[in-house]
C-alpha atoms as a PDB file:
ATOM      1  CA  MET A   1    -195.122  26.811  14.808  1.00  0.00           C
ATOM      2  CA  PRO A   2    -194.584  30.778  13.622  1.00  0.00           C
ATOM      3  CA  ARG A   3    -197.960  32.778  14.751  1.00  0.00           C
ATOM      4  CA  PRO A   4    -199.813  34.021  11.608  1.00  0.00           C
ATOM      5  CA  GLU A   5    -199.525  37.826  10.676  1.00  0.00           C
ATOM      6  CA  PRO A   6    -202.287  39.991  11.790  1.00  0.00           C
ATOM      7  CA  PRO A   7    -203.925  41.131   8.811  1.00  0.00           C
ATOM      8  CA  VAL A   8    -203.054  44.809   7.859  1.00  0.00           C
ATOM      9  CA  ASN A   9    -206.489  46.716   8.162  1.00  0.00           C
ATOM     10  CA  ALA A  10    -206.412  48.933   5.409  1.00  0.00           C
ATOM     11  CA  LEU A  11    -205.170  46.436   2.962  1.00  0.00           C
ATOM     12  CA  ASP A  12    -208.300  43.910   3.989  1.00  0.00           C
ATOM     13  CA  ARG A  13    -210.857  47.028   3.669  1.00  0.00           C
ATOM     14  CA  GLY A  14    -209.890  47.488   0.230  1.00  0.00           C
ATOM     15  CA  LEU A  15    -210.151  44.017  -0.727  1.00  0.00           C
ATOM     16  CA  GLN A  16    -213.521  43.716   1.015  1.00  0.00           C
ATOM     17  CA  VAL A  17    -214.693  46.909  -1.314  1.00  0.00           C
ATOM     18  CA  LEU A  18    -213.401  45.039  -4.334  1.00  0.00           C
ATOM     19  CA  GLU A  19    -215.236  42.075  -2.986  1.00  0.00           C
ATOM     20  CA  ALA A  20    -218.527  43.814  -2.696  1.00  0.00           C
ATOM     21  CA  PHE A  21    -218.329  44.879  -6.423  1.00  0.00           C
ATOM     22  CA  GLY A  22    -218.130  40.923  -7.144  1.00  0.00           C
ATOM     23  CA  ARG A  23    -221.427  40.479  -5.267  1.00  0.00           C
ATOM     24  CA  ARG A  24    -223.263  43.196  -5.777  1.00  0.00           C
ATOM     25  CA  GLY A  25    -222.665  44.224  -9.378  1.00  0.00           C
ATOM     26  CA  PHE A  26    -220.264  46.109 -11.623  1.00  0.00           C
ATOM     27  CA  SER A  27    -221.908  49.735 -10.294  1.00  0.00           C
ATOM     28  CA  LEU A  28    -222.555  50.774  -6.683  1.00  0.00           C
ATOM     29  CA  SER A  29    -223.125  54.185  -4.589  1.00  0.00           C
ATOM     30  CA  LEU A  30    -220.788  55.313  -2.098  1.00  0.00           C
ATOM     31  CA  ALA A  31    -224.001  55.032   0.268  1.00  0.00           C
ATOM     32  CA  GLY A  32    -224.919  50.931  -1.154  1.00  0.00           C
ATOM     33  CA  LEU A  33    -221.224  50.101  -0.405  1.00  0.00           C
ATOM     34  CA  ALA A  34    -221.135  51.695   3.154  1.00  0.00           C
ATOM     35  CA  ALA A  35    -224.533  49.325   3.713  1.00  0.00           C
ATOM     36  CA  GLU A  36    -222.771  46.671   2.476  1.00  0.00           C
ATOM     37  CA  LEU A  37    -219.583  46.708   4.232  1.00  0.00           C
ATOM     38  CA  LYS A  38    -220.700  48.565   7.318  1.00  0.00           C
ATOM     39  CA  LEU A  39    -218.348  51.440   7.225  1.00  0.00           C
ATOM     40  CA  PRO A  40    -218.488  54.971   7.410  1.00  0.00           C
ATOM     41  CA  LYS A  41    -218.655  56.951   4.812  1.00  0.00           C
ATOM     42  CA  PRO A  42    -215.613  59.146   5.026  1.00  0.00           C
ATOM     43  CA  THR A  43    -213.692  56.023   5.583  1.00  0.00           C
ATOM     44  CA  LEU A  44    -215.046  54.287   3.013  1.00  0.00           C
ATOM     45  CA  HIS A  45    -214.341  57.423   0.247  1.00  0.00           C
ATOM     46  CA  ARG A  46    -210.665  57.226   1.696  1.00  0.00           C
ATOM     47  CA  LEU A  47    -210.854  53.776   0.393  1.00  0.00           C
ATOM     48  CA  LEU A  48    -212.328  54.197  -2.706  1.00  0.00           C
ATOM     49  CA  SER A  49    -210.125  57.471  -3.721  1.00  0.00           C
ATOM     50  CA  THR A  50    -206.970  55.103  -3.316  1.00  0.00           C
ATOM     51  CA  LEU A  51    -208.826  52.230  -5.399  1.00  0.00           C
ATOM     52  CA  MET A  52    -209.056  55.015  -7.886  1.00  0.00           C
ATOM     53  CA  ALA A  53    -205.464  56.195  -8.224  1.00  0.00           C
ATOM     54  CA  ARG A  54    -204.432  52.796  -8.884  1.00  0.00           C
ATOM     55  CA  GLY A  55    -206.977  51.820 -11.660  1.00  0.00           C
ATOM     56  CA  TYR A  56    -208.979  49.290  -9.608  1.00  0.00           C
ATOM     57  CA  VAL A  57    -211.929  51.649  -9.384  1.00  0.00           C
ATOM     58  CA  LEU A  58    -213.463  53.969 -11.391  1.00  0.00           C
ATOM     59  CA  GLN A  59    -216.279  57.192 -11.324  1.00  0.00           C
ATOM     60  CA  SER A  60    -217.479  58.652 -14.201  1.00  0.00           C
ATOM     61  CA  VAL A  61    -219.047  61.393 -13.006  1.00  0.00           C
ATOM     62  CA  LYS A  62    -218.047  63.325  -9.395  1.00  0.00           C
ATOM     63  CA  GLY A  63    -220.825  61.989  -6.835  1.00  0.00           C
ATOM     64  CA  GLY A  64    -222.145  59.118  -8.865  1.00  0.00           C
ATOM     65  CA  ALA A  65    -221.521  55.276  -8.710  1.00  0.00           C
ATOM     66  CA  TYR A  66    -218.373  54.045  -8.728  1.00  0.00           C
ATOM     67  CA  CYS A  67    -217.454  50.642 -10.942  1.00  0.00           C
ATOM     68  CA  LEU A  68    -214.640  48.651 -11.461  1.00  0.00           C
ATOM     69  CA  GLY A  69    -211.423  49.479 -13.323  1.00  0.00           C
ATOM     70  CA  PRO A  70    -209.314  47.987 -16.102  1.00  0.00           C
ATOM     71  CA  ALA A  71    -206.554  47.088 -13.479  1.00  0.00           C
ATOM     72  CA  VAL A  72    -208.952  44.651 -12.225  1.00  0.00           C
ATOM     73  CA  LEU A  73    -209.098  43.106 -15.756  1.00  0.00           C
ATOM     74  CA  ASP A  74    -205.639  43.025 -15.490  1.00  0.00           C
ATOM     75  CA  LEU A  75    -205.277  41.066 -12.626  1.00  0.00           C
ATOM     76  CA  GLY A  76    -207.982  38.886 -13.924  1.00  0.00           C
ATOM     77  CA  PHE A  77    -206.230  37.867 -17.303  1.00  0.00           C
ATOM     78  CA  ALA A  78    -203.233  37.457 -15.340  1.00  0.00           C
ATOM     79  CA  MET A  79    -204.736  35.004 -13.279  1.00  0.00           C
ATOM     80  CA  LEU A  80    -206.197  33.059 -16.468  1.00  0.00           C
ATOM     81  CA  ASP A  81    -202.954  33.257 -18.296  1.00  0.00           C
ATOM     82  CA  GLY A  82    -201.407  31.423 -15.407  1.00  0.00           C
ATOM     83  CA  LEU A  83    -203.896  28.415 -15.635  1.00  0.00           C
ATOM     84  CA  GLU A  84    -201.982  25.809 -17.045  1.00  0.00           C
ATOM     85  CA  VAL A  85    -205.233  23.511 -18.037  1.00  0.00           C
ATOM     86  CA  ARG A  86    -206.995  26.685 -19.884  1.00  0.00           C
ATOM     87  CA  GLU A  87    -203.237  26.969 -21.928  1.00  0.00           C
ATOM     88  CA  ALA A  88    -203.725  23.429 -22.825  1.00  0.00           C
ATOM     89  CA  ALA A  89    -206.889  23.403 -23.033  1.00  0.00           C
ATOM     90  CA  LEU A  90    -207.438  25.739 -26.123  1.00  0.00           C
ATOM     91  CA  PRO A  91    -206.817  23.798 -29.403  1.00  0.00           C
ATOM     92  CA  PHE A  92    -209.097  20.922 -27.183  1.00  0.00           C
ATOM     93  CA  LEU A  93    -211.966  23.032 -27.132  1.00  0.00           C
ATOM     94  CA  GLU A  94    -211.709  24.707 -30.886  1.00  0.00           C
ATOM     95  CA  ALA A  95    -211.689  21.132 -32.252  1.00  0.00           C
ATOM     96  CA  LEU A  96    -214.589  20.307 -30.026  1.00  0.00           C
ATOM     97  CA  PHE A  97    -216.703  23.704 -31.391  1.00  0.00           C
ATOM     98  CA  GLN A  98    -215.861  22.862 -34.408  1.00  0.00           C
ATOM     99  CA  GLU A  99    -217.075  19.609 -34.447  1.00  0.00           C
ATOM    100  CA  VAL A 100    -220.441  19.849 -32.652  1.00  0.00           C
ATOM    101  CA  GLU A 101    -221.272  22.930 -33.713  1.00  0.00           C
ATOM    102  CA  ALA A 102    -222.426  24.181 -29.556  1.00  0.00           C
ATOM    103  CA  ASN A 103    -220.991  26.382 -27.129  1.00  0.00           C
ATOM    104  CA  VAL A 104    -218.064  25.229 -25.389  1.00  0.00           C
ATOM    105  CA  ASN A 105    -216.496  25.826 -22.162  1.00  0.00           C
ATOM    106  CA  LEU A 106    -214.121  25.426 -19.704  1.00  0.00           C
ATOM    107  CA  SER A 107    -214.595  25.773 -16.129  1.00  0.00           C
ATOM    108  CA  VAL A 108    -213.041  25.581 -12.727  1.00  0.00           C
ATOM    109  CA  LEU A 109    -214.945  25.274  -9.701  1.00  0.00           C
ATOM    110  CA  GLU A 110    -214.356  28.222  -6.953  1.00  0.00           C
ATOM    111  CA  PRO A 111    -213.543  27.963  -3.654  1.00  0.00           C
ATOM    112  CA  GLY A 112    -216.550  26.615  -1.482  1.00  0.00           C
ATOM    113  CA  GLY A 113    -217.801  24.970  -3.975  1.00  0.00           C
ATOM    114  CA  LEU A 114    -220.841  27.352  -4.302  1.00  0.00           C
ATOM    115  CA  GLU A 115    -219.947  28.260  -8.153  1.00  0.00           C
ATOM    116  CA  VAL A 116    -217.899  27.391 -11.143  1.00  0.00           C
ATOM    117  CA  MET A 117    -216.002  30.307 -13.255  1.00  0.00           C
ATOM    118  CA  TYR A 118    -215.470  30.050 -16.641  1.00  0.00           C
ATOM    119  CA  VAL A 119    -212.205  30.451 -17.761  1.00  0.00           C
ATOM    120  CA  ALA A 120    -212.871  29.942 -21.300  1.00  0.00           C
ATOM    121  CA  ARG A 121    -215.365  29.886 -24.037  1.00  0.00           C
ATOM    122  CA  LEU A 122    -216.368  29.826 -27.373  1.00  0.00           C
ATOM    123  CA  ARG A 123    -219.806  30.984 -28.323  1.00  0.00           C
ATOM    124  CA  ARG A 124    -221.974  30.549 -31.249  1.00  0.00           C
ATOM    125  CA  GLN A 125    -224.039  33.509 -32.462  1.00  0.00           C
ATOM    126  CA  GLU A 126    -227.647  32.219 -31.200  1.00  0.00           C
ATOM    127  CA  VAL A 127    -230.765  34.427 -30.971  1.00  0.00           C
ATOM    128  CA  LEU A 128    -231.126  33.355 -27.620  1.00  0.00           C
ATOM    129  CA  SER A 129    -228.277  32.655 -25.897  1.00  0.00           C
ATOM    130  CA  LEU A 130    -226.555  33.245 -22.270  1.00  0.00           C
ATOM    131  CA  ASN A 131    -224.852  36.189 -21.612  1.00  0.00           C
ATOM    132  CA  LEU A 132    -221.660  34.385 -20.558  1.00  0.00           C
ATOM    133  CA  ASN A 133    -218.359  35.247 -20.835  1.00  0.00           C
ATOM    134  CA  VAL A 134    -214.281  34.621 -19.482  1.00  0.00           C
ATOM    135  CA  GLY A 135    -214.989  35.289 -15.918  1.00  0.00           C
ATOM    136  CA  SER A 136    -218.810  34.244 -15.579  1.00  0.00           C
ATOM    137  CA  ARG A 137    -219.678  32.307 -12.910  1.00  0.00           C
ATOM    138  CA  LEU A 138    -222.708  29.706 -12.523  1.00  0.00           C
ATOM    139  CA  PRO A 139    -224.155  27.912  -9.539  1.00  0.00           C
ATOM    140  CA  SER A 140    -222.262  24.748  -9.503  1.00  0.00           C
ATOM    141  CA  TYR A 141    -225.612  23.049  -8.158  1.00  0.00           C
ATOM    142  CA  SER A 142    -227.365  23.657 -11.575  1.00  0.00           C
ATOM    143  CA  SER A 143    -225.093  23.388 -14.035  1.00  0.00           C
ATOM    144  CA  SER A 144    -223.449  20.696 -15.672  1.00  0.00           C
ATOM    145  CA  PRO A 145    -219.937  21.647 -14.998  1.00  0.00           C
ATOM    146  CA  GLY A 146    -220.782  22.270 -11.637  1.00  0.00           C
ATOM    147  CA  ARG A 147    -222.231  18.893 -10.793  1.00  0.00           C
ATOM    148  CA  VAL A 148    -219.268  16.875 -13.089  1.00  0.00           C
ATOM    149  CA  LEU A 149    -216.895  19.029 -10.453  1.00  0.00           C
ATOM    150  CA  LEU A 150    -218.628  18.711  -7.267  1.00  0.00           C
ATOM    151  CA  ALA A 151    -219.098  14.776  -7.709  1.00  0.00           C
ATOM    152  CA  ASN A 152    -215.704  14.039  -8.812  1.00  0.00           C
ATOM    153  CA  LEU A 153    -214.149  15.864  -5.123  1.00  0.00           C
ATOM    154  CA  PRO A 154    -212.609  13.663  -2.603  1.00  0.00           C
ATOM    155  CA  GLY A 155    -215.285  12.409  -0.381  1.00  0.00           C
ATOM    156  CA  PRO A 156    -214.661  14.762   2.716  1.00  0.00           C
ATOM    157  CA  GLN A 157    -214.538  18.051   0.288  1.00  0.00           C
ATOM    158  CA  ARG A 158    -217.469  16.875  -1.686  1.00  0.00           C
ATOM    159  CA  ARG A 159    -219.422  16.606   1.740  1.00  0.00           C
ATOM    160  CA  GLN A 160    -218.047  20.020   2.586  1.00  0.00           C
ATOM    161  CA  ALA A 161    -219.223  21.474  -0.354  1.00  0.00           C
ATOM    162  CA  LEU A 162    -222.477  19.458  -0.653  1.00  0.00           C
ATOM    163  CA  ALA A 163    -223.356  21.148   3.066  1.00  0.00           C
ATOM    164  CA  GLY A 164    -222.543  24.670   2.057  1.00  0.00           C
ATOM    165  CA  ILE A 165    -224.539  24.393  -0.847  1.00  0.00           C
ATOM    166  CA  LEU A 166    -227.577  23.388   1.626  1.00  0.00           C
ATOM    167  CA  ALA A 167    -226.928  26.050   4.044  1.00  0.00           C
ATOM    168  CA  ASP A 168    -227.247  28.428   1.024  1.00  0.00           C
ATOM    169  CA  PRO A 169    -231.116  30.218   0.789  1.00  0.00           C
ATOM    170  CA  GLN A 170    -231.084  30.558  -2.602  1.00  0.00           C
ATOM    171  CA  ALA A 171    -229.289  27.465  -3.078  1.00  0.00           C
ATOM    172  CA  ALA A 172    -231.483  25.089  -1.293  1.00  0.00           C
ATOM    173  CA  ALA A 173    -235.059  26.924  -2.216  1.00  0.00           C
ATOM    174  CA  TRP A 174    -233.809  26.036  -5.936  1.00  0.00           C
ATOM    175  CA  LEU A 175    -232.981  22.477  -4.777  1.00  0.00           C
ATOM    176  CA  GLU A 176    -236.148  22.005  -3.335  1.00  0.00           C
ATOM    177  CA  GLY A 177    -238.290  23.604  -5.501  1.00  0.00           C
ATOM    178  CA  ARG A 178    -237.513  21.426  -7.767  1.00  0.00           C
ATOM    179  CA  ARG A 179    -237.319  18.410  -5.628  1.00  0.00           C
ATOM    180  CA  VAL A 180    -233.572  17.270  -6.785  1.00  0.00           C
ATOM    181  CA  ASP A 181    -231.685  15.632  -4.374  1.00  0.00           C
ATOM    182  CA  LEU A 182    -227.862  16.858  -5.312  1.00  0.00           C
ATOM    183  CA  ALA A 183    -226.659  14.244  -3.311  1.00  0.00           C
ATOM    184  CA  ALA A 184    -228.104  11.437  -5.375  1.00  0.00           C
ATOM    185  CA  VAL A 185    -227.480  13.801  -8.451  1.00  0.00           C
ATOM    186  CA  LEU A 186    -224.058  13.940  -8.002  1.00  0.00           C
ATOM    187  CA  ASP A 187    -223.452   9.859  -7.102  1.00  0.00           C
ATOM    188  CA  GLN A 188    -224.976   8.831 -10.473  1.00  0.00           C
ATOM    189  CA  VAL A 189    -222.428  11.995 -12.302  1.00  0.00           C
ATOM    190  CA  ALA A 190    -219.458  10.244 -10.681  1.00  0.00           C
ATOM    191  CA  GLU A 191    -220.371   6.857 -11.791  1.00  0.00           C
ATOM    192  CA  GLN A 192    -221.384   7.808 -15.576  1.00  0.00           C
ATOM    193  CA  GLY A 193    -218.638  10.291 -15.816  1.00  0.00           C
ATOM    194  CA  TYR A 194    -220.412  13.085 -17.173  1.00  0.00           C
ATOM    195  CA  ALA A 195    -223.376  15.193 -16.526  1.00  0.00           C
ATOM    196  CA  VAL A 196    -226.198  16.440 -18.693  1.00  0.00           C
ATOM    197  CA  ASN A 197    -228.372  19.423 -17.858  1.00  0.00           C
ATOM    198  CA  ASP A 198    -231.588  19.029 -19.604  1.00  0.00           C
ATOM    199  CA  GLY A 199    -233.640  21.898 -19.569  1.00  0.00           C
ATOM    200  CA  GLU A 200    -233.000  22.551 -15.781  1.00  0.00           C
ATOM    201  CA  TYR A 201    -231.002  25.589 -15.895  1.00  0.00           C
ATOM    202  CA  LEU A 202    -232.667  26.767 -18.524  1.00  0.00           C
ATOM    203  CA  PRO A 203    -235.983  25.394 -20.179  1.00  0.00           C
ATOM    204  CA  GLU A 204    -234.561  25.092 -23.708  1.00  0.00           C
ATOM    205  CA  LEU A 205    -230.923  24.985 -23.051  1.00  0.00           C
ATOM    206  CA  PHE A 206    -229.354  21.099 -23.057  1.00  0.00           C
ATOM    207  CA  ALA A 207    -225.577  21.268 -21.759  1.00  0.00           C
ATOM    208  CA  MET A 208    -223.152  18.786 -20.757  1.00  0.00           C
ATOM    209  CA  ALA A 209    -219.994  18.406 -18.712  1.00  0.00           C
ATOM    210  CA  ALA A 210    -217.244  15.862 -18.496  1.00  0.00           C
ATOM    211  CA  PRO A 211    -214.367  16.196 -16.092  1.00  0.00           C
ATOM    212  CA  VAL A 212    -210.450  17.023 -16.978  1.00  0.00           C
ATOM    213  CA  TRP A 213    -207.740  15.308 -14.738  1.00  0.00           C
ATOM    214  CA  ASP A 214    -204.342  16.267 -13.926  1.00  0.00           C
ATOM    215  CA  GLN A 215    -201.376  13.498 -13.153  1.00  0.00           C
ATOM    216  CA  GLU A 216    -202.729  13.788  -9.529  1.00  0.00           C
ATOM    217  CA  ARG A 217    -205.860  12.044 -10.961  1.00  0.00           C
ATOM    218  CA  ARG A 218    -207.977  15.296  -9.696  1.00  0.00           C
ATOM    219  CA  ALA A 219    -210.203  16.626 -11.740  1.00  0.00           C
ATOM    220  CA  VAL A 220    -208.885  20.161 -11.791  1.00  0.00           C
ATOM    221  CA  ALA A 221    -211.606  21.475 -14.791  1.00  0.00           C
ATOM    222  CA  ALA A 222    -215.056  20.381 -16.839  1.00  0.00           C
ATOM    223  CA  VAL A 223    -215.199  20.778 -19.947  1.00  0.00           C
ATOM    224  CA  SER A 224    -218.685  21.603 -21.193  1.00  0.00           C
ATOM    225  CA  VAL A 225    -220.988  21.745 -24.476  1.00  0.00           C
ATOM    226  CA  ALA A 226    -224.538  23.620 -24.518  1.00  0.00           C
ATOM    227  CA  LEU A 227    -226.940  24.536 -26.954  1.00  0.00           C
ATOM    228  CA  LEU A 228    -230.403  25.442 -27.611  1.00  0.00           C
ATOM    229  CA  LYS A 229    -232.859  22.160 -28.090  1.00  0.00           C
ATOM    230  CA  ARG A 230    -234.988  23.259 -30.877  1.00  0.00           C
ATOM    231  CA  ARG A 231    -237.509  21.041 -30.417  1.00  0.00           C
ATOM    232  CA  GLN A 232    -234.855  17.914 -30.270  1.00  0.00           C
ATOM    233  CA  GLU A 233    -235.103  15.154 -27.894  1.00  0.00           C
ATOM    234  CA  GLY A 234    -232.267  15.604 -24.803  1.00  0.00           C
ATOM    235  CA  ARG A 235    -231.655  11.265 -25.184  1.00  0.00           C
ATOM    236  CA  LEU A 236    -230.438  12.249 -29.143  1.00  0.00           C
ATOM    237  CA  LEU A 237    -228.500  15.051 -28.441  1.00  0.00           C
ATOM    238  CA  GLU A 238    -226.367  13.332 -25.624  1.00  0.00           C
ATOM    239  CA  GLU A 239    -225.962  10.121 -28.034  1.00  0.00           C
ATOM    240  CA  ARG A 240    -224.641  13.111 -30.238  1.00  0.00           C
ATOM    241  CA  LEU A 241    -222.546  15.345 -28.241  1.00  0.00           C
ATOM    242  CA  LEU A 242    -221.284  12.308 -25.582  1.00  0.00           C
ATOM    243  CA  GLY A 243    -218.160  10.918 -27.646  1.00  0.00           C
ATOM    244  CA  PRO A 244    -216.848  14.260 -28.817  1.00  0.00           C
ATOM    245  CA  LEU A 245    -217.067  15.402 -25.528  1.00  0.00           C
ATOM    246  CA  LEU A 246    -215.504  12.440 -23.621  1.00  0.00           C
ATOM    247  CA  ALA A 247    -212.379  12.192 -26.515  1.00  0.00           C
ATOM    248  CA  CYS A 248    -212.130  16.085 -25.959  1.00  0.00           C
ATOM    249  CA  THR A 249    -211.640  15.771 -21.680  1.00  0.00           C
ATOM    250  CA  ARG A 250    -209.637  12.416 -22.473  1.00  0.00           C
ATOM    251  CA  GLY A 251    -207.206  14.222 -24.806  1.00  0.00           C
ATOM    252  CA  LEU A 252    -206.659  17.059 -22.587  1.00  0.00           C
ATOM    253  CA  SER A 253    -206.563  15.142 -19.477  1.00  0.00           C
ATOM    254  CA  ALA A 254    -203.553  13.161 -20.987  1.00  0.00           C
ATOM    255  CA  LEU A 255    -202.095  16.146 -22.183  1.00  0.00           C
ATOM    256  CA  LEU A 256    -201.742  16.721 -18.311  1.00  0.00           C
ATOM    257  CA  GLY A 257    -200.082  13.530 -17.207  1.00  0.00           C
ATOM    258  CA  HIS A 258    -203.428  11.701 -16.585  1.00  0.00           C
ATOM    259  CA  ARG A 259    -203.224   7.726 -16.766  1.00  0.00           C
ATOM    260  CA  PRO A 260    -206.568   6.046 -16.316  1.00  0.00           C
ATOM    261  CA  ARG A 261    -206.151   3.485 -14.101  1.00  0.00           C
ATOM    262  CA  ARG A 262    -206.221   0.055 -15.847  1.00  0.00           C
ATOM    263  CA  ALA A 263    -209.263  -2.316 -15.382  1.00  0.00           C
ATOM    264  CA  ARG A 264    -208.272  -5.698 -13.593  1.00  0.00           C
ATOM    265  CA  ALA A 265    -207.828  -8.645 -15.518  1.00  0.00           C
ATOM    266  CA  SER A 266    -210.956 -11.504 -14.626  1.00  0.00           C
ATOM    267  CA  PRO A 267    -209.673 -14.438 -13.401  1.00  0.00           C
ATOM    268  CA  ALA A 268    -209.300 -17.168 -16.147  1.00  0.00           C
END
């Protein structure tokens, strides 16, 4: 068996710089990056200069903070365009958006299972609305798309993701503060086939999500709908949204080659 190639240090450090922006924010100072990455400032300055020359990092004022450049967006959009499920989903999402008159999103689970990322989003203009766009991330443990994707992971992967979430201080504090037994919630979501979030993420927000399946019977994405409750009961919103949501995910799953297992006939 061939030995794995050792990492290229300069490339590895350059990627660490870009990842730091993802963790800490759009705009970072040289001192902030140095503290985050534990790199000498001269080394970090050379890395940033190289990234600036390639358009991955910008600095609007000499000596000022750095921010991500347009080349990062080019990579992100190339990745999104390469997602077969996203391209296939757009007509279904548009039809659902018109029918339910609510925000409609397509999400995928990030590696490790701690977050989901929006890969498509149709948004209504609301006075109060989450400032989320394509590429935005939400915690998996507190969002309906995250829960539905976690719930439908194969057993070992679900247990591994759950352990990682419970080991994360912020996630553990959120779950404990709200007395949420995430393992039990995921069991319920897997059994009923969809997830409901009635005011857990934001008090006025109601959201539902259902999985999108591929031909290998894997939950490759989640479609979610979200809207402001406006004093409506969650039960009534669930009744109104569930049918259109499941029709959307069934149609999209069928297009991706998914065939539901037939129920066994009862003996005569």
